[in-house]
């Protein structure tokens, strides 16, 4: 009896199929890419948080000690200078011009302004209470935007305001940055955000995150 081999079977050498391996490794590659993207985004937000926090802290320190940058030496807060006098008394446009003039140099205005700079700066650098910092910082930036009043083409004395944009200025950008950092939980990376969120009084009061 003759034995016939099936013509569709080949007893020769077979190369292993790459289809199964490709399907196996594809999800791993996707997970790795997603993790890398998430990590890069987290560090980008953390870097933005730290830089913004330093901007607030530096403003507080310079106005307190008079390092000779925005605040001349010998005119710091500890030397008897007023952190708000120069800025608020110089307001020359906008609907709150006279109001800001009346606030300039007031003790409560000095303390509130400096407390805001210090509080927001520490929160951003440390990575805690970012929601509270966003609210406080946005309120500060809104008031400073009104004080500079970019929509004005002319100042109250009739001179050109030299406004470079009728709406957007750095105060609005800072406000958006603060809100974005809070929404992104930017304090979880290079900060104490995760530890802060585990505190009992923070867990029961989400607005303190």
Protein backbone atom coordinates (compact mmCIF):
# COMPACT_ATOMS: atom_id res chain seq x y z
CA UNK A 1 0.00 0.00 0.00
CA UNK A 2 1.40 3.32 -1.04
CA UNK A 3 1.63 6.20 1.44
CA UNK A 4 0.81 9.62 -0.02
CA UNK A 5 1.78 12.88 1.61
CA UNK A 6 -0.77 15.66 1.64
CA UNK A 7 0.37 18.26 -0.85
CA UNK A 8 -0.61 21.23 1.40
CA UNK A 9 1.69 20.15 4.19
CA UNK A 10 5.35 21.03 3.95
CA UNK A 11 7.77 19.13 6.19
CA UNK A 12 10.45 21.76 5.54
CA UNK A 13 11.76 24.57 7.79
CA UNK A 14 9.16 27.11 9.03
CA UNK A 15 9.85 30.68 10.14
CA UNK A 16 8.01 31.62 13.35
CA UNK A 17 5.03 33.89 12.81
CA UNK A 18 5.53 37.51 13.97
CA UNK A 19 1.80 38.22 14.14
CA UNK A 20 1.33 36.94 17.67
CA UNK A 21 4.47 38.65 18.96
CA UNK A 22 3.40 41.90 17.35
CA UNK A 23 0.01 41.70 19.01
CA UNK A 24 1.67 40.89 22.33
CA UNK A 25 4.15 43.75 22.33
CA UNK A 26 1.86 46.43 20.88
CA UNK A 27 -0.10 47.01 24.11
CA UNK A 28 3.15 47.16 26.09
CA UNK A 29 4.52 49.78 23.71
CA UNK A 30 1.32 51.79 23.97
CA UNK A 31 1.42 51.65 27.77
CA UNK A 32 5.08 52.70 27.77
CA UNK A 33 4.38 55.62 25.43
CA UNK A 34 1.40 56.72 27.52
CA UNK A 35 3.47 56.54 30.71
CA UNK A 36 6.25 58.54 29.12
CA UNK A 37 3.83 61.20 27.93
CA UNK A 38 2.19 61.40 31.35
CA UNK A 39 5.56 61.72 33.08
CA UNK A 40 6.74 64.44 30.71
CA UNK A 41 3.50 66.37 31.22
CA UNK A 42 3.73 66.00 35.00
CA UNK A 43 7.29 67.35 35.06
CA UNK A 44 6.38 70.18 32.70
CA UNK A 45 3.55 71.29 35.01
CA UNK A 46 5.82 70.88 38.04
CA UNK A 47 8.48 73.07 36.42
CA UNK A 48 5.87 75.71 35.57
CA UNK A 49 4.62 75.55 39.16
CA UNK A 50 8.07 76.06 40.64
CA UNK A 51 8.95 78.94 38.32
CA UNK A 52 5.65 80.70 38.99
CA UNK A 53 6.06 80.14 42.72
CA UNK A 54 9.53 81.66 42.62
CA UNK A 55 8.12 84.73 40.83
CA UNK A 56 5.65 85.29 43.67
CA UNK A 57 8.19 84.58 46.41
CA UNK A 58 10.80 86.85 44.83
CA UNK A 59 8.29 89.70 44.66
CA UNK A 60 7.58 89.22 48.37
CA UNK A 61 11.27 89.08 49.34
CA UNK A 62 12.30 92.04 47.19
CA UNK A 63 9.48 94.22 48.54
CA UNK A 64 10.27 93.12 52.10
CA UNK A 65 14.03 93.56 52.13
CA UNK A 66 14.68 95.94 49.23
CA UNK A 67 17.20 93.94 47.21
CA UNK A 68 17.63 96.80 44.75
CA UNK A 69 15.64 95.34 41.88
CA UNK A 70 11.99 96.48 41.76
CA UNK A 71 12.38 97.83 45.30
CA UNK A 72 15.36 100.16 45.92
CA UNK A 73 17.75 99.33 48.72
CA UNK A 74 16.70 100.90 52.01
CA UNK A 75 13.06 101.20 50.94
CA UNK A 76 11.91 97.68 51.76
CA UNK A 77 8.97 96.90 53.98
CA UNK A 78 11.24 96.26 56.97
CA UNK A 79 12.80 99.69 56.43
CA UNK A 80 9.46 101.41 56.71
CA UNK A 81 8.59 101.41 53.03
CA UNK A 82 5.13 100.60 51.71
CA UNK A 83 4.70 97.66 49.32
CA UNK A 84 1.54 99.19 47.82
CA UNK A 85 2.20 102.92 47.85
CA UNK A 86 4.19 103.17 44.63
CA UNK A 87 1.98 100.91 42.54
CA UNK A 88 -1.46 101.99 43.73
CA UNK A 89 -0.68 105.70 43.88
CA UNK A 90 0.58 105.48 40.31
CA UNK A 91 -2.69 104.12 38.89
CA UNK A 92 -3.67 106.55 36.16
CA UNK A 93 -6.55 104.89 34.32
CA UNK A 94 -9.55 102.65 34.79
CA UNK A 95 -12.80 102.64 36.77
CA UNK A 96 -11.09 102.14 40.15
CA UNK A 97 -8.40 104.81 39.86
CA UNK A 98 -9.60 106.90 42.82
CA UNK A 99 -10.29 103.78 44.90
CA UNK A 100 -6.77 102.47 44.41
CA UNK A 101 -5.36 105.88 45.32
CA UNK A 102 -7.27 105.79 48.60
CA UNK A 103 -5.92 102.28 49.35
CA UNK A 104 -2.29 103.15 48.58
CA UNK A 105 -0.08 102.73 51.61
CA UNK A 106 -2.84 101.61 53.98
CA UNK A 107 -1.66 99.11 56.56
CA UNK A 108 -4.38 96.59 55.73
CA UNK A 109 -3.55 96.83 52.01
CA UNK A 110 0.16 96.28 52.67
CA UNK A 111 -0.44 93.24 54.87
CA UNK A 112 -3.05 91.69 52.60
CA UNK A 113 -0.91 92.17 49.49
CA UNK A 114 2.24 90.78 51.09
CA UNK A 115 0.37 87.87 52.68
CA UNK A 116 -1.01 87.02 49.25
CA UNK A 117 2.43 87.05 47.63
CA UNK A 118 3.94 84.92 50.39
CA UNK A 119 1.04 82.49 50.65
CA UNK A 120 0.71 81.88 46.92
CA UNK A 121 4.48 81.61 46.52
CA UNK A 122 4.89 79.06 49.31
CA UNK A 123 1.92 77.01 48.10
CA UNK A 124 3.28 76.84 44.56
CA UNK A 125 6.85 76.02 45.53
CA UNK A 126 5.71 73.39 48.03
CA UNK A 127 2.97 71.99 45.83
CA UNK A 128 0.17 72.18 48.42
CA UNK A 129 -3.17 74.03 48.65
CA UNK A 130 -3.02 74.84 44.94
CA UNK A 131 -6.77 75.38 44.69
CA UNK A 132 -6.69 77.97 47.45
CA UNK A 133 -3.61 79.55 45.89
CA UNK A 134 -5.37 79.70 42.52
CA UNK A 135 -8.36 81.55 44.01
CA UNK A 136 -6.22 84.01 45.98
CA UNK A 137 -3.74 84.53 43.18
CA UNK A 138 -6.44 85.03 40.57
CA UNK A 139 -8.12 87.66 42.76
CA UNK A 140 -4.79 89.47 43.13
CA UNK A 141 -4.09 89.33 39.40
CA UNK A 142 -7.61 90.59 38.59
CA UNK A 143 -7.14 93.63 40.84
CA UNK A 144 -3.72 94.35 39.36
CA UNK A 145 -5.16 94.03 35.84
CA UNK A 146 -7.83 96.58 36.73
CA UNK A 147 -5.16 98.84 38.21
CA UNK A 148 -3.14 98.85 35.00
CA UNK A 149 -6.32 98.84 32.86
CA UNK A 150 -4.96 97.67 29.48
CA UNK A 151 -8.12 98.71 27.54
CA UNK A 152 -7.27 102.39 28.02
CA UNK A 153 -5.58 104.12 25.08
CA UNK A 154 -4.98 107.24 27.16
CA UNK A 155 -4.29 107.90 30.82
CA UNK A 156 -6.38 110.23 32.93
CA UNK A 157 -4.02 113.13 32.10
CA UNK A 158 -4.54 112.59 28.37
CA UNK A 159 -1.15 111.04 27.63
CA UNK A 160 -0.84 107.79 25.71
CA UNK A 161 -1.12 104.72 27.91
CA UNK A 162 1.32 102.73 25.76
CA UNK A 163 -0.82 99.64 26.36
CA UNK A 164 0.45 96.83 24.14
CA UNK A 165 -2.81 94.86 24.20
CA UNK A 166 -6.37 95.96 25.06
CA UNK A 167 -7.13 92.78 26.98
CA UNK A 168 -4.33 90.26 27.49
CA UNK A 169 -1.43 91.10 29.76
CA UNK A 170 0.80 89.11 32.09
CA UNK A 171 -1.67 89.34 34.97
CA UNK A 172 -4.27 87.36 33.03
CA UNK A 173 -1.65 84.84 31.96
CA UNK A 174 -0.56 84.34 35.58
CA UNK A 175 -4.20 83.81 36.58
CA UNK A 176 -4.73 81.15 33.92
CA UNK A 177 -1.48 79.45 34.91
CA UNK A 178 -2.56 79.29 38.55
CA UNK A 179 -5.91 77.75 37.61
CA UNK A 180 -4.27 75.24 35.26
CA UNK A 181 -1.76 74.16 37.91
CA UNK A 182 -4.55 73.54 40.41
CA UNK A 183 -6.65 71.56 37.93
CA UNK A 184 -3.64 69.47 36.88
CA UNK A 185 -2.69 68.64 40.49
CA UNK A 186 0.77 69.94 39.66
CA UNK A 187 1.88 69.60 43.27
CA UNK A 188 1.96 65.80 43.04
CA UNK A 189 5.27 65.91 41.15
CA UNK A 190 8.30 67.54 42.79
CA UNK A 191 6.04 68.68 45.60
CA UNK A 192 4.13 67.53 48.65
CA UNK A 193 0.75 67.48 46.92
CA UNK A 194 0.09 63.78 47.49
CA UNK A 195 1.01 63.96 51.18
CA UNK A 196 -1.06 67.12 51.59
CA UNK A 197 -4.10 65.44 50.02
CA UNK A 198 -3.92 62.59 52.57
CA UNK A 199 -4.25 64.89 55.59
CA UNK A 200 -7.62 64.37 57.34
CA UNK A 201 -8.71 68.03 57.21
CA UNK A 202 -7.81 68.21 53.50
CA UNK A 203 -9.72 65.00 52.68
CA UNK A 204 -12.84 66.44 54.30
CA UNK A 205 -12.36 69.87 52.67
CA UNK A 206 -11.57 69.31 49.01
CA UNK A 207 -11.20 73.03 48.34
CA UNK A 208 -7.95 72.90 50.34
CA UNK A 209 -6.29 70.57 47.80
